[in-house]
Amino acid sequence: MTRATDDSPSPRQTLDPQLVLGAYSVGVFPMADSRDAEEVYWVEPQERAILPLDGFHLSHSLRKTLAADRYRVTADTAFAQTLRLCAESVPNRPDTWINPGIERVFIQLHAMGFAHSVEVWDGATLVGGLYGLALGRAFFGESMVSRARDASKIAMAWLVARLRIGGFSLLDCQFMTDHLASLGAIEISRSDYLAALSAAIAGAVGSGASASGVGDFFALDRAASPVLDKPVPATELGPPSGKVIAQLLTHTS
């Protein structure tokens, strides 16, 4: 979930959903030189950053912020808005790799049930979040953004909890950063990554929410409390509290 580029990008090409899904299934992803670039190139890093789903690092301060429900967290309620927030320039990052072609194809993939977002709100204002692609039991994190303290960390914590409850096995973060390392990300070789990817997408059939052999991105919203292990009344269905997320991550990290 970063904006670096590989040192040997492959030839430039236009995007469509099936092309993008095929690329991710073999460990390749698209990037652009800038927000205004007309074309994309394909990247396959020699070293890949992943975040083991049982290895999320929950600091004391982040645990407190989660448990206090300082922010409201949703999923797939503002996908396009979250993507565009990730693509915005800011003073310390004047340009991004998310060009109109990448934005367009990911909005299509979201409509098809493959691309998802986690949104972090302060009142009615979107202050952070992330988006990525789900394929089989793999989730490919594309980008995350923070416009308020800890907003991207909150989004990542909720994502990890969501993926664990949904039966995912791989969270791909693309390139390592200090921010990701502080949350528990590690680097693995290309060959080790491809082995993990192959296992994560093996048996995936169909597309979107109706596919078999895939992780369930919305299991967290429907399930019994993942920590208390008791039924949730129908009137209380929906995302759990931040306190439950903090407990879940504490018990499994």
Foldseek 3Di string as FASTA:
>chain_A
DDFDAAPDWDDKDFDAQVVQVVQVLQQKHWWAPWQAGPIITIGHHQKFKWFFLLFFDQDPVNLVCLQVCQWDKDKQPPVLVQVVQQQDADPVRRTGGCYPRNSVNLVVQVVQAFKMKMFIHRVPDTFKIWIFGFAQLETETDGIGGNDPCRRVLRVLVQSVLSVLQVHGIYTDGDDDPVVVNGHMDMDGSVVVSVSSCVRNPPWDDTHPPTPNGTDSCSQQAAAQPQVPDDDDPVPGGHDGSNSSSNVSVVRD
